[in-house]
N, C-alpha and C. Protein backbone atom coordinates (compact mmCIF):
# COMPACT_ATOMS: atom_id res chain seq x y z
N UNK A 1 2.22 -7.37 18.54
CA UNK A 1 3.16 -7.40 19.51
C UNK A 1 2.84 -7.86 20.97
N UNK A 2 1.73 -6.81 21.03
CA UNK A 2 1.28 -7.01 22.52
C UNK A 2 0.49 -8.43 23.02
N UNK A 3 0.05 -9.23 21.89
CA UNK A 3 -0.29 -10.45 22.23
C UNK A 3 0.72 -11.35 22.63
N UNK A 4 1.87 -11.11 22.11
CA UNK A 4 3.15 -11.94 22.46
C UNK A 4 3.51 -11.47 23.77
N UNK A 5 3.58 -10.26 24.09
CA UNK A 5 4.41 -9.82 25.49
C UNK A 5 3.53 -8.48 25.86
N UNK A 6 2.54 -8.74 26.56
CA UNK A 6 1.69 -7.59 27.19
C UNK A 6 2.69 -6.48 27.74
N UNK A 7 3.51 -6.84 28.54
CA UNK A 7 4.42 -5.67 29.13
C UNK A 7 5.04 -4.76 28.08
N UNK A 8 5.43 -5.35 26.85
CA UNK A 8 6.00 -4.32 25.88
C UNK A 8 4.77 -3.54 25.28
N UNK A 9 3.58 -3.84 25.29
CA UNK A 9 2.68 -3.23 24.78
C UNK A 9 2.40 -2.00 25.58
N UNK A 10 2.58 -2.03 26.90
CA UNK A 10 2.17 -0.87 27.90
C UNK A 10 3.20 0.14 27.65
N UNK A 11 4.80 -0.16 27.08
CA UNK A 11 5.56 0.80 26.94
C UNK A 11 5.64 1.45 25.40
N UNK A 12 4.75 0.86 24.58
CA UNK A 12 4.81 1.32 23.16
C UNK A 12 3.81 2.59 23.07
N UNK A 13 4.12 3.30 22.20
CA UNK A 13 3.48 4.38 21.72
C UNK A 13 3.11 4.34 20.16
N UNK A 14 2.04 4.77 19.71
CA UNK A 14 1.63 4.87 18.37
C UNK A 14 2.33 6.03 17.54
N UNK A 15 3.19 5.88 16.79
CA UNK A 15 4.03 6.87 15.92
C UNK A 15 3.28 7.37 14.72
N UNK A 16 2.80 6.33 14.30
CA UNK A 16 2.09 6.63 12.69
C UNK A 16 0.98 5.51 12.58
N UNK A 17 0.32 5.67 11.90
CA UNK A 17 -0.86 4.54 11.46
C UNK A 17 -1.12 4.39 10.11
N UNK A 18 -0.95 3.36 9.45
CA UNK A 18 -1.29 3.38 8.21
C UNK A 18 -2.85 3.20 7.83
N UNK A 19 -3.15 3.53 6.79
CA UNK A 19 -4.77 3.56 6.18
C UNK A 19 -4.95 1.77 6.21
N UNK A 20 -6.33 1.55 6.17
CA UNK A 20 -6.59 0.28 6.13
C UNK A 20 -6.55 -0.46 4.71
N UNK A 21 -5.73 -1.46 4.94
CA UNK A 21 -5.47 -1.83 3.70
C UNK A 21 -6.32 -3.38 3.33
N UNK A 22 -6.53 -3.33 2.05
CA UNK A 22 -7.11 -4.73 1.45
C UNK A 22 -6.22 -5.59 1.36
N UNK A 23 -6.29 -7.06 2.00
CA UNK A 23 -5.15 -7.98 2.00
C UNK A 23 -5.42 -9.12 0.70
N UNK A 24 -6.53 -9.46 0.53
CA UNK A 24 -6.89 -10.20 -0.49
C UNK A 24 -8.14 -9.85 -1.32
N UNK A 25 -7.99 -9.98 -2.29
CA UNK A 25 -9.03 -9.56 -3.41
C UNK A 25 -9.29 -10.63 -4.40
N UNK A 26 -10.30 -10.88 -4.83
CA UNK A 26 -10.77 -11.92 -6.01
C UNK A 26 -11.65 -11.47 -7.11
N UNK A 27 -11.67 -11.59 -7.89
CA UNK A 27 -11.96 -10.95 -8.99
C UNK A 27 -12.53 -12.15 -10.03
N UNK A 28 -13.49 -11.69 -10.77
CA UNK A 28 -14.16 -12.77 -11.89
C UNK A 28 -13.55 -12.54 -13.44
N UNK A 29 -13.50 -13.30 -14.18
CA UNK A 29 -13.12 -13.00 -15.60
C UNK A 29 -14.25 -12.26 -16.13
N UNK A 30 -14.20 -11.49 -17.15
CA UNK A 30 -15.44 -10.76 -17.69
C UNK A 30 -16.36 -11.78 -18.41
N UNK A 31 -16.33 -12.68 -18.77
CA UNK A 31 -16.92 -13.73 -19.32
C UNK A 31 -17.77 -14.69 -18.26
N UNK A 32 -17.58 -14.73 -17.20
CA UNK A 32 -18.25 -15.21 -15.99
C UNK A 32 -19.41 -14.88 -16.15
N UNK A 33 -20.49 -16.27 -16.23
CA UNK A 33 -21.72 -15.89 -16.02
C UNK A 33 -22.42 -15.28 -14.90
N UNK A 34 -23.33 -14.43 -15.03
CA UNK A 34 -23.78 -13.60 -13.91
C UNK A 34 -24.57 -14.48 -12.66
N UNK A 35 -25.06 -15.59 -12.83
CA UNK A 35 -25.87 -16.34 -12.05
C UNK A 35 -24.54 -17.08 -11.42
N UNK A 36 -23.38 -17.46 -11.93
CA UNK A 36 -22.31 -18.10 -11.37
C UNK A 36 -21.73 -16.96 -10.08
N UNK A 37 -21.50 -15.76 -10.70
CA UNK A 37 -20.99 -14.64 -9.84
C UNK A 37 -21.81 -14.49 -8.60
N UNK A 38 -23.33 -14.56 -8.94
CA UNK A 38 -24.01 -14.37 -7.64
C UNK A 38 -23.95 -15.47 -6.62
N UNK A 39 -23.94 -16.54 -7.11
CA UNK A 39 -23.70 -17.75 -6.32
C UNK A 39 -22.30 -17.64 -5.54
N UNK A 40 -21.35 -17.35 -6.10
CA UNK A 40 -20.06 -17.42 -5.58
C UNK A 40 -19.95 -16.09 -4.38
N UNK A 41 -20.36 -15.27 -4.89
CA UNK A 41 -20.39 -14.00 -3.74
C UNK A 41 -21.42 -14.51 -2.60
N UNK A 42 -22.67 -14.80 -2.86
CA UNK A 42 -23.50 -15.33 -1.67
C UNK A 42 -22.89 -16.21 -0.95
N UNK A 43 -22.36 -17.27 -1.52
CA UNK A 43 -21.52 -18.44 -0.77
C UNK A 43 -20.42 -17.80 -0.09
N UNK A 44 -19.51 -16.96 -0.69
CA UNK A 44 -18.40 -16.48 0.01
C UNK A 44 -18.87 -15.40 1.34
N UNK A 45 -20.03 -14.75 1.28
CA UNK A 45 -20.60 -14.05 2.24
C UNK A 45 -20.82 -14.97 3.59
N UNK A 46 -21.21 -16.24 3.26
CA UNK A 46 -21.77 -17.08 4.59
C UNK A 46 -20.68 -18.27 4.68
N UNK A 47 -19.57 -17.87 4.56
CA UNK A 47 -18.28 -18.85 4.73
C UNK A 47 -18.29 -19.16 6.14
N UNK A 48 -18.73 -18.29 7.27
CA UNK A 48 -18.39 -18.47 8.49
C UNK A 48 -19.67 -19.62 9.01
N UNK A 49 -20.59 -19.71 8.27
CA UNK A 49 -21.48 -20.40 8.70
C UNK A 49 -21.39 -21.91 8.45
N UNK A 50 -20.28 -22.45 7.89
CA UNK A 50 -19.84 -23.82 7.58
C UNK A 50 -18.63 -24.17 8.16
N UNK A 51 -18.52 -25.42 8.41
CA UNK A 51 -17.11 -25.80 9.10
C UNK A 51 -16.17 -25.50 7.91
N UNK A 52 -16.36 -25.96 6.83
CA UNK A 52 -15.15 -25.76 5.78
C UNK A 52 -14.84 -24.34 5.50
N UNK A 53 -16.06 -23.56 5.39
CA UNK A 53 -15.90 -22.23 5.37
C UNK A 53 -14.98 -21.55 6.43
N UNK A 54 -15.12 -22.14 7.66
CA UNK A 54 -14.40 -21.54 9.00
C UNK A 54 -12.99 -21.89 8.90
N UNK A 55 -12.75 -22.98 8.25
CA UNK A 55 -11.70 -23.55 7.95
C UNK A 55 -10.81 -22.74 6.73
N UNK A 56 -11.22 -22.36 5.92
CA UNK A 56 -10.88 -21.55 4.93
C UNK A 56 -10.53 -20.02 5.47
N UNK A 57 -11.61 -19.55 6.41
CA UNK A 57 -11.06 -18.34 6.89
C UNK A 57 -10.03 -18.29 8.07
N UNK A 58 -9.86 -19.37 8.72
CA UNK A 58 -8.82 -19.63 9.56
C UNK A 58 -7.39 -19.73 8.93
N UNK A 59 -7.44 -20.28 7.81
CA UNK A 59 -6.20 -20.35 7.07
C UNK A 59 -5.81 -19.29 6.26
N UNK A 60 -6.56 -18.15 6.14
CA UNK A 60 -6.15 -16.94 5.69
C UNK A 60 -6.30 -15.96 6.84
N UNK A 61 -6.49 -16.40 8.02
CA UNK A 61 -6.60 -15.39 9.23
C UNK A 61 -7.44 -14.24 9.07
N UNK A 62 -8.64 -14.67 8.40
CA UNK A 62 -9.85 -13.78 8.22
C UNK A 62 -11.23 -13.90 9.00
N UNK A 63 -11.72 -12.78 9.10
CA UNK A 63 -12.81 -12.76 9.91
C UNK A 63 -14.09 -13.42 9.18
N UNK A 64 -14.03 -12.67 7.75
CA UNK A 64 -15.19 -12.95 6.96
C UNK A 64 -14.84 -12.23 5.69
N UNK A 65 -15.83 -12.13 4.85
CA UNK A 65 -15.65 -11.78 3.28
C UNK A 65 -16.78 -10.47 3.21
N UNK A 66 -16.16 -9.66 2.52
CA UNK A 66 -17.22 -8.56 2.05
C UNK A 66 -17.01 -8.08 0.50
N UNK A 67 -18.27 -7.87 0.12
CA UNK A 67 -18.12 -7.07 -1.37
C UNK A 67 -17.70 -5.78 -1.24
N UNK A 68 -16.50 -5.74 -2.06
CA UNK A 68 -15.78 -4.29 -1.84
C UNK A 68 -16.24 -3.16 -2.77
N UNK A 69 -16.23 -2.06 -2.24
CA UNK A 69 -16.46 -1.05 -3.27
C UNK A 69 -15.18 -0.03 -3.69
N UNK A 70 -15.25 0.77 -4.53
CA UNK A 70 -14.09 1.54 -4.57
C UNK A 70 -13.48 2.12 -3.53
N UNK A 71 -14.23 2.68 -2.50
CA UNK A 71 -13.98 3.33 -1.11
C UNK A 71 -12.94 2.13 -0.28
N UNK A 72 -13.46 1.14 -0.46
CA UNK A 72 -12.62 -0.07 0.48
C UNK A 72 -11.10 0.08 -0.18
N UNK A 73 -10.87 0.58 -1.43
CA UNK A 73 -9.68 0.37 -1.89
C UNK A 73 -8.77 1.54 -1.72
N UNK A 74 -9.35 2.58 -1.18
CA UNK A 74 -8.39 3.92 -1.06
C UNK A 74 -7.45 4.07 -0.35
N UNK A 75 -7.26 3.22 0.83
CA UNK A 75 -6.01 3.20 1.77
C UNK A 75 -4.84 2.33 0.71
N UNK A 76 -5.40 1.28 -0.06
CA UNK A 76 -4.49 0.70 -0.86
C UNK A 76 -3.81 1.46 -1.70
N UNK A 77 -4.82 2.09 -2.46
CA UNK A 77 -4.46 2.91 -3.60
C UNK A 77 -3.37 4.23 -3.12
N UNK A 78 -3.59 4.82 -1.96
CA UNK A 78 -2.95 5.77 -1.25
C UNK A 78 -1.36 5.14 -0.93
N UNK A 79 -1.45 3.79 -0.48
CA UNK A 79 -0.06 3.13 -0.35
C UNK A 79 0.80 3.19 -1.60
N UNK A 80 -0.12 2.61 -2.55
CA UNK A 80 0.74 2.42 -3.92
C UNK A 80 1.32 3.73 -4.62
N UNK A 81 0.32 4.75 -4.48
CA UNK A 81 0.77 6.05 -5.05
C UNK A 81 1.73 6.70 -4.29
N UNK A 82 1.90 6.48 -2.98
CA UNK A 82 2.99 7.03 -2.22
C UNK A 82 4.33 6.44 -2.55
N UNK A 83 4.29 5.00 -2.61
CA UNK A 83 5.33 4.03 -3.04
C UNK A 83 6.04 4.60 -4.29
N UNK A 84 5.09 4.76 -5.39
CA UNK A 84 5.54 5.34 -6.52
C UNK A 84 6.21 6.83 -6.54
N UNK A 85 5.57 7.69 -5.88
CA UNK A 85 6.12 9.11 -5.60
C UNK A 85 7.78 8.61 -4.91
N UNK A 86 7.81 7.88 -3.74
CA UNK A 86 8.97 7.77 -3.34
C UNK A 86 10.04 7.18 -4.14
N UNK A 87 9.54 6.22 -4.92
CA UNK A 87 10.48 5.54 -5.63
C UNK A 87 10.98 6.58 -6.82
N UNK A 88 10.06 7.45 -7.27
CA UNK A 88 10.67 8.36 -8.31
C UNK A 88 11.48 9.24 -7.85
N UNK A 89 11.59 9.53 -6.32
CA UNK A 89 12.36 10.74 -5.83
C UNK A 89 13.69 10.21 -5.48
N UNK A 90 13.95 8.90 -5.42
CA UNK A 90 15.12 8.23 -5.06
C UNK A 90 16.10 8.44 -5.97
N UNK A 91 17.50 9.09 -5.27
CA UNK A 91 18.45 9.13 -6.18
C UNK A 91 19.14 8.02 -7.05
């Protein structure tokens, strides 16, 4: 919001912060050849090095790609768990 109106940003205070969330995830089917997986992962890591890759990153408003670990997904998992808890609590 502050990018659009810096004056508003000066008046805002953080009330709460969400955990980091993973916005986009890609998966391979189990039967995908290991060589193909390796090539895809390596090329995705180098997207920013190529004009077409930069266009893809721009399209998704992304800075780059990373190989995820389970730890990267903890914020997303917490949000889903909290949603489930609140949904059950609803009258």
